[in-house]
Amino acid sequence: MKKFFCTLYSIRWKLLNYAIILLLLYQIIYCAVTFLYIVPEGMGPTMSLWRRAGQVPDEILYKRRLYAIELWVSATALIVYIAIVYKNKLGEKISKLVKSAQKDESDTKA
């Protein structure tokens, strides 16, 4: 049992990292689905209300707007978190891609 807790303790940051990412992904999915289903009666799930937007009660528009804002905040938080946590790994991959693109470009010119 002691070995189990030692192993768990050694991977605690990975578990926390994955938990944060999963919670943010869940929040994004929840907001997107809820945004789709807040529509006037008799209308199916949709991203845009199109011409009916002028006829929709303000309460529905406010709810949709709040869920859309919550969705953007959650997505931004996930992007910033991944950029901070995986900064070095992403930087290495991006630099490899840039170098390979430059190499391909110089090969085509020659």
PDB file of N, CA and C in Angstrom:
ATOM      1  N   MET A   1       0.831  -1.190   0.000  1.00  0.00           N
ATOM      2  CA  MET A   1       0.000   0.000   0.000  1.00  0.00           C
ATOM      3  C   MET A   1       0.872   1.249   0.000  1.00  0.00           C
ATOM      4  N   LYS A   2       1.990   1.169   0.689  1.00  0.00           N
ATOM      5  CA  LYS A   2       2.884   2.318   0.756  1.00  0.00           C
ATOM      6  C   LYS A   2       3.446   2.636  -0.631  1.00  0.00           C
ATOM      7  N   LYS A   3       3.729   1.595  -1.401  1.00  0.00           N
ATOM      8  CA  LYS A   3       4.268   1.794  -2.748  1.00  0.00           C
ATOM      9  C   LYS A   3       3.235   2.482  -3.641  1.00  0.00           C
ATOM     10  N   PHE A   4       1.967   2.134  -3.464  1.00  0.00           N
ATOM     11  CA  PHE A   4       0.905   2.766  -4.248  1.00  0.00           C
ATOM     12  C   PHE A   4       0.864   4.264  -3.987  1.00  0.00           C
ATOM     13  N   PHE A   5       0.923   4.660  -2.729  1.00  0.00           N
ATOM     14  CA  PHE A   5       0.873   6.081  -2.400  1.00  0.00           C
ATOM     15  C   PHE A   5       2.140   6.805  -2.844  1.00  0.00           C
ATOM     16  N   CYS A   6       3.269   6.125  -2.814  1.00  0.00           N
ATOM     17  CA  CYS A   6       4.502   6.732  -3.324  1.00  0.00           C
ATOM     18  C   CYS A   6       4.395   6.974  -4.828  1.00  0.00           C
ATOM     19  N   THR A   7       3.832   6.011  -5.543  1.00  0.00           N
ATOM     20  CA  THR A   7       3.637   6.164  -6.984  1.00  0.00           C
ATOM     21  C   THR A   7       2.643   7.282  -7.265  1.00  0.00           C
ATOM     22  N   LEU A   8       1.566   7.306  -6.522  1.00  0.00           N
ATOM     23  CA  LEU A   8       0.559   8.350  -6.682  1.00  0.00           C
ATOM     24  C   LEU A   8       1.151   9.725  -6.394  1.00  0.00           C
ATOM     25  N   TYR A   9       1.967   9.803  -5.360  1.00  0.00           N
ATOM     26  CA  TYR A   9       2.609  11.071  -5.003  1.00  0.00           C
ATOM     27  C   TYR A   9       3.560  11.525  -6.102  1.00  0.00           C
ATOM     28  N   SER A  10       4.239  10.583  -6.739  1.00  0.00           N
ATOM     29  CA  SER A  10       5.207  10.950  -7.771  1.00  0.00           C
ATOM     30  C   SER A  10       4.531  11.420  -9.057  1.00  0.00           C
ATOM     31  N   ILE A  11       3.286  10.997  -9.288  1.00  0.00           N
ATOM     32  CA  ILE A  11       2.603  11.432 -10.511  1.00  0.00           C
ATOM     33  C   ILE A  11       1.496  12.448 -10.214  1.00  0.00           C
ATOM     34  N   ARG A  12       1.526  13.063  -9.063  1.00  0.00           N
ATOM     35  CA  ARG A  12       0.460  13.981  -8.658  1.00  0.00           C
ATOM     36  C   ARG A  12       0.314  15.164  -9.609  1.00  0.00           C
ATOM     37  N   TRP A  13       1.414  15.714 -10.112  1.00  0.00           N
ATOM     38  CA  TRP A  13       1.321  16.874 -11.000  1.00  0.00           C
ATOM     39  C   TRP A  13       0.731  16.490 -12.350  1.00  0.00           C
ATOM     40  N   LYS A  14       1.045  15.291 -12.824  1.00  0.00           N
ATOM     41  CA  LYS A  14       0.437  14.843 -14.080  1.00  0.00           C
ATOM     42  C   LYS A  14      -1.065  14.663 -13.903  1.00  0.00           C
ATOM     43  N   LEU A  15      -1.465  14.078 -12.784  1.00  0.00           N
ATOM     44  CA  LEU A  15      -2.888  13.895 -12.521  1.00  0.00           C
ATOM     45  C   LEU A  15      -3.609  15.238 -12.425  1.00  0.00           C
ATOM     46  N   LEU A  16      -3.004  16.182 -11.729  1.00  0.00           N
ATOM     47  CA  LEU A  16      -3.594  17.514 -11.609  1.00  0.00           C
ATOM     48  C   LEU A  16      -3.679  18.184 -12.976  1.00  0.00           C
ATOM     49  N   ASN A  17      -2.639  18.062 -13.775  1.00  0.00           N
ATOM     50  CA  ASN A  17      -2.609  18.636 -15.116  1.00  0.00           C
ATOM     51  C   ASN A  17      -3.744  18.079 -15.971  1.00  0.00           C
ATOM     52  N   TYR A  18      -3.875  16.768 -16.009  1.00  0.00           N
ATOM     53  CA  TYR A  18      -4.934  16.150 -16.802  1.00  0.00           C
ATOM     54  C   TYR A  18      -6.321  16.483 -16.248  1.00  0.00           C
ATOM     55  N   ALA A  19      -6.445  16.599 -14.941  1.00  0.00           N
ATOM     56  CA  ALA A  19      -7.735  16.955 -14.342  1.00  0.00           C
ATOM     57  C   ALA A  19      -8.146  18.364 -14.765  1.00  0.00           C
ATOM     58  N   ILE A  20      -7.207  19.295 -14.769  1.00  0.00           N
ATOM     59  CA  ILE A  20      -7.515  20.669 -15.181  1.00  0.00           C
ATOM     60  C   ILE A  20      -7.932  20.698 -16.651  1.00  0.00           C
ATOM     61  N   ILE A  21      -7.195  19.995 -17.497  1.00  0.00           N
ATOM     62  CA  ILE A  21      -7.520  19.979 -18.927  1.00  0.00           C
ATOM     63  C   ILE A  21      -8.886  19.340 -19.161  1.00  0.00           C
ATOM     64  N   LEU A  22      -9.164  18.228 -18.487  1.00  0.00           N
ATOM     65  CA  LEU A  22     -10.461  17.570 -18.657  1.00  0.00           C
ATOM     66  C   LEU A  22     -11.619  18.437 -18.154  1.00  0.00           C
ATOM     67  N   LEU A  23     -11.420  19.133 -17.048  1.00  0.00           N
ATOM     68  CA  LEU A  23     -12.478  20.002 -16.536  1.00  0.00           C
ATOM     69  C   LEU A  23     -12.755  21.163 -17.493  1.00  0.00           C
ATOM     70  N   LEU A  24     -11.709  21.737 -18.058  1.00  0.00           N
ATOM     71  CA  LEU A  24     -11.912  22.826 -19.011  1.00  0.00           C
ATOM     72  C   LEU A  24     -12.586  22.318 -20.290  1.00  0.00           C
ATOM     73  N   LEU A  25     -12.194  21.143 -20.754  1.00  0.00           N
ATOM     74  CA  LEU A  25     -12.858  20.561 -21.930  1.00  0.00           C
ATOM     75  C   LEU A  25     -14.333  20.281 -21.650  1.00  0.00           C
ATOM     76  N   TYR A  26     -14.613  19.752 -20.462  1.00  0.00           N
ATOM     77  CA  TYR A  26     -16.006  19.501 -20.088  1.00  0.00           C
ATOM     78  C   TYR A  26     -16.797  20.806 -20.073  1.00  0.00           C
ATOM     79  N   GLN A  27     -16.208  21.853 -19.537  1.00  0.00           N
ATOM     80  CA  GLN A  27     -16.886  23.152 -19.475  1.00  0.00           C
ATOM     81  C   GLN A  27     -17.174  23.683 -20.879  1.00  0.00           C
ATOM     82  N   ILE A  28     -16.232  23.517 -21.791  1.00  0.00           N
ATOM     83  CA  ILE A  28     -16.417  23.984 -23.168  1.00  0.00           C
ATOM     84  C   ILE A  28     -17.551  23.216 -23.834  1.00  0.00           C
ATOM     85  N   ILE A  29     -17.552  21.913 -23.688  1.00  0.00           N
ATOM     86  CA  ILE A  29     -18.597  21.084 -24.297  1.00  0.00           C
ATOM     87  C   ILE A  29     -19.965  21.403 -23.692  1.00  0.00           C
ATOM     88  N   TYR A  30     -20.018  21.544 -22.374  1.00  0.00           N
ATOM     89  CA  TYR A  30     -21.270  21.864 -21.695  1.00  0.00           C
ATOM     90  C   TYR A  30     -21.837  23.196 -22.185  1.00  0.00           C
ATOM     91  N   CYS A  31     -20.999  24.212 -22.273  1.00  0.00           N
ATOM     92  CA  CYS A  31     -21.469  25.529 -22.721  1.00  0.00           C
ATOM     93  C   CYS A  31     -21.945  25.482 -24.167  1.00  0.00           C
ATOM     94  N   ALA A  32     -21.231  24.762 -25.018  1.00  0.00           N
ATOM     95  CA  ALA A  32     -21.624  24.679 -26.425  1.00  0.00           C
ATOM     96  C   ALA A  32     -22.975  23.975 -26.576  1.00  0.00           C
ATOM     97  N   VAL A  33     -23.153  22.883 -25.884  1.00  0.00           N
ATOM     98  CA  VAL A  33     -24.420  22.144 -25.980  1.00  0.00           C
ATOM     99  C   VAL A  33     -25.567  22.962 -25.396  1.00  0.00           C
ATOM    100  N   THR A  34     -25.343  23.592 -24.261  1.00  0.00           N
ATOM    101  CA  THR A  34     -26.391  24.400 -23.651  1.00  0.00           C
ATOM    102  C   THR A  34     -26.744  25.580 -24.543  1.00  0.00           C
ATOM    103  N   PHE A  35     -25.739  26.207 -25.151  1.00  0.00           N
ATOM    104  CA  PHE A  35     -25.978  27.321 -26.070  1.00  0.00           C
ATOM    105  C   PHE A  35     -26.858  26.877 -27.239  1.00  0.00           C
ATOM    106  N   LEU A  36     -26.618  25.679 -27.739  1.00  0.00           N
ATOM    107  CA  LEU A  36     -27.406  25.183 -28.870  1.00  0.00           C
ATOM    108  C   LEU A  36     -28.866  24.956 -28.505  1.00  0.00           C
ATOM    109  N   TYR A  37     -29.122  24.554 -27.277  1.00  0.00           N
ATOM    110  CA  TYR A  37     -30.482  24.177 -26.894  1.00  0.00           C
ATOM    111  C   TYR A  37     -31.296  25.307 -26.272  1.00  0.00           C
ATOM    112  N   ILE A  38     -30.708  26.485 -26.105  1.00  0.00           N
ATOM    113  CA  ILE A  38     -31.491  27.618 -25.617  1.00  0.00           C
ATOM    114  C   ILE A  38     -32.012  28.357 -26.842  1.00  0.00           C
ATOM    115  N   VAL A  39     -33.197  27.977 -27.261  1.00  0.00           N
ATOM    116  CA  VAL A  39     -33.844  28.553 -28.444  1.00  0.00           C
ATOM    117  C   VAL A  39     -35.328  28.747 -28.134  1.00  0.00           C
ATOM    118  N   PRO A  40     -36.009  29.548 -28.942  1.00  0.00           N
ATOM    119  CA  PRO A  40     -37.457  29.711 -28.730  1.00  0.00           C
ATOM    120  C   PRO A  40     -38.193  28.394 -28.935  1.00  0.00           C
ATOM    121  N   GLU A  41     -39.378  28.297 -28.368  1.00  0.00           N
ATOM    122  CA  GLU A  41     -40.174  27.079 -28.517  1.00  0.00           C
ATOM    123  C   GLU A  41     -40.497  26.819 -29.973  1.00  0.00           C
ATOM    124  N   GLY A  42     -40.447  25.554 -30.349  1.00  0.00           N
ATOM    125  CA  GLY A  42     -40.768  25.159 -31.706  1.00  0.00           C
ATOM    126  C   GLY A  42     -39.589  25.227 -32.662  1.00  0.00           C
ATOM    127  N   MET A  43     -38.419  25.579 -32.158  1.00  0.00           N
ATOM    128  CA  MET A  43     -37.233  25.675 -33.003  1.00  0.00           C
ATOM    129  C   MET A  43     -36.221  24.651 -32.523  1.00  0.00           C
ATOM    130  N   GLY A  44     -35.607  23.937 -33.447  1.00  0.00           N
ATOM    131  CA  GLY A  44     -34.618  22.933 -33.075  1.00  0.00           C
ATOM    132  C   GLY A  44     -33.309  23.563 -32.652  1.00  0.00           C
ATOM    133  N   PRO A  45     -32.377  22.751 -32.152  1.00  0.00           N
ATOM    134  CA  PRO A  45     -31.079  23.262 -31.731  1.00  0.00           C
ATOM    135  C   PRO A  45     -30.349  23.922 -32.904  1.00  0.00           C
ATOM    136  N   THR A  46     -29.828  25.095 -32.671  1.00  0.00           N
ATOM    137  CA  THR A  46     -29.151  25.818 -33.742  1.00  0.00           C
ATOM    138  C   THR A  46     -28.108  26.779 -33.178  1.00  0.00           C
ATOM    139  N   MET A  47     -27.123  27.085 -33.998  1.00  0.00           N
ATOM    140  CA  MET A  47     -26.102  28.053 -33.603  1.00  0.00           C
ATOM    141  C   MET A  47     -26.598  29.475 -33.822  1.00  0.00           C
ATOM    142  N   SER A  48     -27.362  29.688 -34.870  1.00  0.00           N
ATOM    143  CA  SER A  48     -27.805  31.033 -35.227  1.00  0.00           C
ATOM    144  C   SER A  48     -29.319  31.091 -35.301  1.00  0.00           C
ATOM    145  N   LEU A  49     -29.859  32.188 -34.838  1.00  0.00           N
ATOM    146  CA  LEU A  49     -31.305  32.354 -34.876  1.00  0.00           C
ATOM    147  C   LEU A  49     -31.768  32.998 -36.170  1.00  0.00           C
ATOM    148  N   TRP A  50     -30.855  33.525 -36.943  1.00  0.00           N
ATOM    149  CA  TRP A  50     -31.108  34.184 -38.220  1.00  0.00           C
ATOM    150  C   TRP A  50     -32.187  35.239 -38.091  1.00  0.00           C
ATOM    151  N   ARG A  51     -33.243  35.164 -38.880  1.00  0.00           N
ATOM    152  CA  ARG A  51     -34.268  36.210 -38.906  1.00  0.00           C
ATOM    153  C   ARG A  51     -35.140  36.217 -37.653  1.00  0.00           C
ATOM    154  N   ARG A  52     -35.151  35.114 -36.949  1.00  0.00           N
ATOM    155  CA  ARG A  52     -35.993  35.034 -35.744  1.00  0.00           C
ATOM    156  C   ARG A  52     -35.373  35.769 -34.560  1.00  0.00           C
ATOM    157  N   ALA A  53     -34.142  36.240 -34.701  1.00  0.00           N
ATOM    158  CA  ALA A  53     -33.466  36.901 -33.580  1.00  0.00           C
ATOM    159  C   ALA A  53     -34.236  38.138 -33.115  1.00  0.00           C
ATOM    160  N   GLY A  54     -34.915  38.815 -34.018  1.00  0.00           N
ATOM    161  CA  GLY A  54     -35.704  39.989 -33.634  1.00  0.00           C
ATOM    162  C   GLY A  54     -36.976  39.631 -32.895  1.00  0.00           C
ATOM    163  N   GLN A  55     -37.461  38.410 -33.063  1.00  0.00           N
ATOM    164  CA  GLN A  55     -38.707  37.988 -32.439  1.00  0.00           C
ATOM    165  C   GLN A  55     -38.486  37.220 -31.137  1.00  0.00           C
ATOM    166  N   VAL A  56     -37.240  36.890 -30.857  1.00  0.00           N
ATOM    167  CA  VAL A  56     -36.918  36.077 -29.685  1.00  0.00           C
ATOM    168  C   VAL A  56     -36.975  36.952 -28.430  1.00  0.00           C
ATOM    169  N   PRO A  57     -37.556  36.445 -27.354  1.00  0.00           N
ATOM    170  CA  PRO A  57     -37.575  37.211 -26.105  1.00  0.00           C
ATOM    171  C   PRO A  57     -36.154  37.526 -25.617  1.00  0.00           C
ATOM    172  N   ASP A  58     -36.045  38.664 -24.980  1.00  0.00           N
ATOM    173  CA  ASP A  58     -34.732  39.114 -24.498  1.00  0.00           C
ATOM    174  C   ASP A  58     -34.096  38.120 -23.536  1.00  0.00           C
ATOM    175  N   GLU A  59     -34.906  37.465 -22.733  1.00  0.00           N
ATOM    176  CA  GLU A  59     -34.378  36.506 -21.753  1.00  0.00           C
ATOM    177  C   GLU A  59     -33.581  35.392 -22.438  1.00  0.00           C
ATOM    178  N   ILE A  60     -34.092  34.892 -23.550  1.00  0.00           N
ATOM    179  CA  ILE A  60     -33.387  33.825 -24.282  1.00  0.00           C
ATOM    180  C   ILE A  60     -32.094  34.358 -24.882  1.00  0.00           C
ATOM    181  N   LEU A  61     -32.159  35.568 -25.437  1.00  0.00           N
ATOM    182  CA  LEU A  61     -30.935  36.153 -26.000  1.00  0.00           C
ATOM    183  C   LEU A  61     -29.872  36.370 -24.923  1.00  0.00           C
ATOM    184  N   TYR A  62     -30.297  36.829 -23.753  1.00  0.00           N
ATOM    185  CA  TYR A  62     -29.341  37.045 -22.659  1.00  0.00           C
ATOM    186  C   TYR A  62     -28.712  35.738 -22.201  1.00  0.00           C
ATOM    187  N   LYS A  63     -29.532  34.701 -22.088  1.00  0.00           N
ATOM    188  CA  LYS A  63     -28.994  33.391 -21.686  1.00  0.00           C
ATOM    189  C   LYS A  63     -27.984  32.884 -22.710  1.00  0.00           C
ATOM    190  N   ARG A  64     -28.343  32.994 -23.978  1.00  0.00           N
ATOM    191  CA  ARG A  64     -27.418  32.539 -25.029  1.00  0.00           C
ATOM    192  C   ARG A  64     -26.119  33.335 -24.988  1.00  0.00           C
ATOM    193  N   ARG A  65     -26.241  34.627 -24.805  1.00  0.00           N
ATOM    194  CA  ARG A  65     -25.049  35.478 -24.759  1.00  0.00           C
ATOM    195  C   ARG A  65     -24.167  35.103 -23.575  1.00  0.00           C
ATOM    196  N   LEU A  66     -24.757  34.849 -22.427  1.00  0.00           N
ATOM    197  CA  LEU A  66     -23.972  34.474 -21.250  1.00  0.00           C
ATOM    198  C   LEU A  66     -23.266  33.132 -21.442  1.00  0.00           C
ATOM    199  N   TYR A  67     -23.962  32.167 -22.029  1.00  0.00           N
ATOM    200  CA  TYR A  67     -23.305  30.885 -22.286  1.00  0.00           C
ATOM    201  C   TYR A  67     -22.215  31.025 -23.341  1.00  0.00           C
ATOM    202  N   ALA A  68     -22.427  31.889 -24.324  1.00  0.00           N
ATOM    203  CA  ALA A  68     -21.384  32.118 -25.325  1.00  0.00           C
ATOM    204  C   ALA A  68     -20.151  32.750 -24.686  1.00  0.00           C
ATOM    205  N   ILE A  69     -20.359  33.706 -23.799  1.00  0.00           N
ATOM    206  CA  ILE A  69     -19.233  34.334 -23.101  1.00  0.00           C
ATOM    207  C   ILE A  69     -18.512  33.309 -22.238  1.00  0.00           C
ATOM    208  N   GLU A  70     -19.284  32.492 -21.528  1.00  0.00           N
ATOM    209  CA  GLU A  70     -18.676  31.454 -20.698  1.00  0.00           C
ATOM    210  C   GLU A  70     -17.864  30.470 -21.543  1.00  0.00           C
ATOM    211  N   LEU A  71     -18.383  30.161 -22.732  1.00  0.00           N
ATOM    212  CA  LEU A  71     -17.661  29.284 -23.653  1.00  0.00           C
ATOM    213  C   LEU A  71     -16.342  29.908 -24.075  1.00  0.00           C
ATOM    214  N   TRP A  72     -16.352  31.175 -24.436  1.00  0.00           N
ATOM    215  CA  TRP A  72     -15.117  31.849 -24.846  1.00  0.00           C
ATOM    216  C   TRP A  72     -14.110  31.939 -23.704  1.00  0.00           C
ATOM    217  N   VAL A  73     -14.590  32.210 -22.507  1.00  0.00           N
ATOM    218  CA  VAL A  73     -13.682  32.295 -21.353  1.00  0.00           C
ATOM    219  C   VAL A  73     -13.046  30.929 -21.086  1.00  0.00           C
ATOM    220  N   SER A  74     -13.839  29.861 -21.149  1.00  0.00           N
ATOM    221  CA  SER A  74     -13.317  28.512 -20.914  1.00  0.00           C
ATOM    222  C   SER A  74     -12.309  28.116 -21.995  1.00  0.00           C
ATOM    223  N   ALA A  75     -12.629  28.417 -23.243  1.00  0.00           N
ATOM    224  CA  ALA A  75     -11.717  28.076 -24.337  1.00  0.00           C
ATOM    225  C   ALA A  75     -10.412  28.866 -24.211  1.00  0.00           C
ATOM    226  N   THR A  76     -10.512  30.130 -23.865  1.00  0.00           N
ATOM    227  CA  THR A  76      -9.311  30.947 -23.684  1.00  0.00           C
ATOM    228  C   THR A  76      -8.475  30.429 -22.523  1.00  0.00           C
ATOM    229  N   ALA A  77      -9.131  30.056 -21.441  1.00  0.00           N
ATOM    230  CA  ALA A  77      -8.402  29.519 -20.290  1.00  0.00           C
ATOM    231  C   ALA A  77      -7.666  28.241 -20.661  1.00  0.00           C
ATOM    232  N   LEU A  78      -8.312  27.365 -21.431  1.00  0.00           N
ATOM    233  CA  LEU A  78      -7.663  26.125 -21.854  1.00  0.00           C
ATOM    234  C   LEU A  78      -6.462  26.416 -22.753  1.00  0.00           C
ATOM    235  N   ILE A  79      -6.614  27.328 -23.679  1.00  0.00           N
ATOM    236  CA  ILE A  79      -5.507  27.669 -24.584  1.00  0.00           C
ATOM    237  C   ILE A  79      -4.338  28.264 -23.812  1.00  0.00           C
ATOM    238  N   VAL A  80      -4.623  29.171 -22.898  1.00  0.00           N
ATOM    239  CA  VAL A  80      -3.554  29.791 -22.106  1.00  0.00           C
ATOM    240  C   VAL A  80      -2.886  28.749 -21.216  1.00  0.00           C
ATOM    241  N   TYR A  81      -3.672  27.889 -20.592  1.00  0.00           N
ATOM    242  CA  TYR A  81      -3.102  26.858 -19.722  1.00  0.00           C
ATOM    243  C   TYR A  81      -2.179  25.925 -20.513  1.00  0.00           C
ATOM    244  N   ILE A  82      -2.638  25.467 -21.677  1.00  0.00           N
ATOM    245  CA  ILE A  82      -1.806  24.576 -22.488  1.00  0.00           C
ATOM    246  C   ILE A  82      -0.550  25.301 -22.962  1.00  0.00           C
ATOM    247  N   ALA A  83      -0.699  26.577 -23.332  1.00  0.00           N
ATOM    248  CA  ALA A  83       0.472  27.339 -23.780  1.00  0.00           C
ATOM    249  C   ALA A  83       1.498  27.498 -22.670  1.00  0.00           C
ATOM    250  N   ILE A  84       1.051  27.679 -21.455  1.00  0.00           N
ATOM    251  CA  ILE A  84       1.986  27.846 -20.332  1.00  0.00           C
ATOM    252  C   ILE A  84       2.619  26.516 -19.949  1.00  0.00           C
ATOM    253  N   VAL A  85       1.817  25.492 -19.818  1.00  0.00           N
ATOM    254  CA  VAL A  85       2.317  24.205 -19.347  1.00  0.00           C
ATOM    255  C   VAL A  85       3.210  23.522 -20.378  1.00  0.00           C
ATOM    256  N   TYR A  86       2.808  23.593 -21.640  1.00  0.00           N
ATOM    257  CA  TYR A  86       3.549  22.880 -22.686  1.00  0.00           C
ATOM    258  C   TYR A  86       4.388  23.829 -23.545  1.00  0.00           C
ATOM    259  N   LYS A  87       4.809  24.936 -22.948  1.00  0.00           N
ATOM    260  CA  LYS A  87       5.562  25.961 -23.669  1.00  0.00           C
ATOM    261  C   LYS A  87       6.805  25.393 -24.346  1.00  0.00           C
ATOM    262  N   ASN A  88       7.597  24.646 -23.630  1.00  0.00           N
ATOM    263  CA  ASN A  88       8.847  24.119 -24.182  1.00  0.00           C
ATOM    264  C   ASN A  88       8.594  23.092 -25.284  1.00  0.00           C
ATOM    265  N   LYS A  89       7.671  22.181 -25.051  1.00  0.00           N
ATOM    266  CA  LYS A  89       7.373  21.153 -26.048  1.00  0.00           C
ATOM    267  C   LYS A  89       6.794  21.766 -27.317  1.00  0.00           C
ATOM    268  N   LEU A  90       5.877  22.720 -27.154  1.00  0.00           N
ATOM    269  CA  LEU A  90       5.293  23.376 -28.319  1.00  0.00           C
ATOM    270  C   LEU A  90       6.327  24.206 -29.062  1.00  0.00           C
ATOM    271  N   GLY A  91       7.204  24.871 -28.312  1.00  0.00           N
ATOM    272  CA  GLY A  91       8.256  25.673 -28.935  1.00  0.00           C
ATOM    273  C   GLY A  91       9.194  24.833 -29.783  1.00  0.00           C
ATOM    274  N   GLU A  92       9.561  23.667 -29.287  1.00  0.00           N
ATOM    275  CA  GLU A  92      10.435  22.770 -30.045  1.00  0.00           C
ATOM    276  C   GLU A  92       9.752  22.291 -31.325  1.00  0.00           C
ATOM    277  N   LYS A  93       8.491  21.905 -31.225  1.00  0.00           N
ATOM    278  CA  LYS A  93       7.769  21.419 -32.409  1.00  0.00           C
ATOM    279  C   LYS A  93       7.589  22.525 -33.438  1.00  0.00           C
ATOM    280  N   ILE A  94       7.286  23.721 -32.978  1.00  0.00           N
ATOM    281  CA  ILE A  94       7.108  24.835 -33.908  1.00  0.00           C
ATOM    282  C   ILE A  94       8.420  25.173 -34.595  1.00  0.00           C
ATOM    283  N   SER A  95       9.521  25.176 -33.848  1.00  0.00           N
ATOM    284  CA  SER A  95      10.814  25.486 -34.469  1.00  0.00           C
ATOM    285  C   SER A  95      11.213  24.409 -35.482  1.00  0.00           C
ATOM    286  N   LYS A  96      10.901  23.146 -35.205  1.00  0.00           N
ATOM    287  CA  LYS A  96      11.173  22.078 -36.182  1.00  0.00           C
ATOM    288  C   LYS A  96      10.343  22.282 -37.449  1.00  0.00           C
ATOM    289  N   LEU A  97       9.076  22.654 -37.279  1.00  0.00           N
ATOM    290  CA  LEU A  97       8.223  22.891 -38.442  1.00  0.00           C
ATOM    291  C   LEU A  97       8.730  24.064 -39.275  1.00  0.00           C
ATOM    292  N   VAL A  98       9.165  25.117 -38.619  1.00  0.00           N
ATOM    293  CA  VAL A  98       9.673  26.289 -39.334  1.00  0.00           C
ATOM    294  C   VAL A  98      10.951  25.929 -40.086  1.00  0.00           C
ATOM    295  N   LYS A  99      11.842  25.196 -39.435  1.00  0.00           N
ATOM    296  CA  LYS A  99      13.089  24.793 -40.090  1.00  0.00           C
ATOM    297  C   LYS A  99      12.821  23.896 -41.291  1.00  0.00           C
ATOM    298  N   SER A 100      11.889  22.953 -41.155  1.00  0.00           N
ATOM    299  CA  SER A 100      11.584  22.065 -42.281  1.00  0.00           C
ATOM    300  C   SER A 100      10.918  22.835 -43.418  1.00  0.00           C
ATOM    301  N   ALA A 101      10.090  23.825 -43.085  1.00  0.00           N
ATOM    302  CA  ALA A 101       9.455  24.639 -44.130  1.00  0.00           C
ATOM    303  C   ALA A 101      10.502  25.480 -44.850  1.00  0.00           C
ATOM    304  N   GLN A 102      11.469  26.018 -44.101  1.00  0.00           N
ATOM    305  CA  GLN A 102      12.532  26.796 -44.726  1.00  0.00           C
ATOM    306  C   GLN A 102      13.406  25.914 -45.606  1.00  0.00           C
ATOM    307  N   LYS A 103      13.653  24.703 -45.141  1.00  0.00           N
ATOM    308  CA  LYS A 103      14.460  23.774 -45.914  1.00  0.00           C
ATOM    309  C   LYS A 103      13.739  23.397 -47.218  1.00  0.00           C
ATOM    310  N   ASP A 104      12.431  23.118 -47.125  1.00  0.00           N
ATOM    311  CA  ASP A 104      11.649  22.780 -48.318  1.00  0.00           C
ATOM    312  C   ASP A 104      11.610  23.949 -49.296  1.00  0.00           C
ATOM    313  N   GLU A 105      11.521  25.163 -48.766  1.00  0.00           N
ATOM    314  CA  GLU A 105      11.482  26.343 -49.606  1.00  0.00           C
ATOM    315  C   GLU A 105      12.801  26.566 -50.332  1.00  0.00           C
ATOM    316  N   SER A 106      13.907  26.330 -49.626  1.00  0.00           N
ATOM    317  CA  SER A 106      15.222  26.504 -50.260  1.00  0.00           C
ATOM    318  C   SER A 106      15.468  25.392 -51.285  1.00  0.00           C
ATOM    319  N   ASP A 107      14.929  24.193 -51.056  1.00  0.00           N
ATOM    320  CA  ASP A 107      15.078  23.088 -52.021  1.00  0.00           C
ATOM    321  C   ASP A 107      14.305  23.380 -53.306  1.00  0.00           C
ATOM    322  N   THR A 108      13.138  23.998 -53.179  1.00  0.00           N
ATOM    323  CA  THR A 108      12.343  24.282 -54.377  1.00  0.00           C
ATOM    324  C   THR A 108      12.933  25.422 -55.195  1.00  0.00           C
ATOM    325  N   LYS A 109      13.643  26.350 -54.548  1.00  0.00           N
ATOM    326  CA  LYS A 109      14.274  27.459 -55.265  1.00  0.00           C
ATOM    327  C   LYS A 109      15.496  26.993 -56.042  1.00  0.00           C
ATOM    328  N   ALA A 110      16.178  25.969 -55.513  1.00  0.00           N
ATOM    329  CA  ALA A 110      17.426  25.516 -56.147  1.00  0.00           C
ATOM    330  C   ALA A 110      17.195  24.677 -57.378  1.00  0.00           C
TER     331      ALA A 110
END
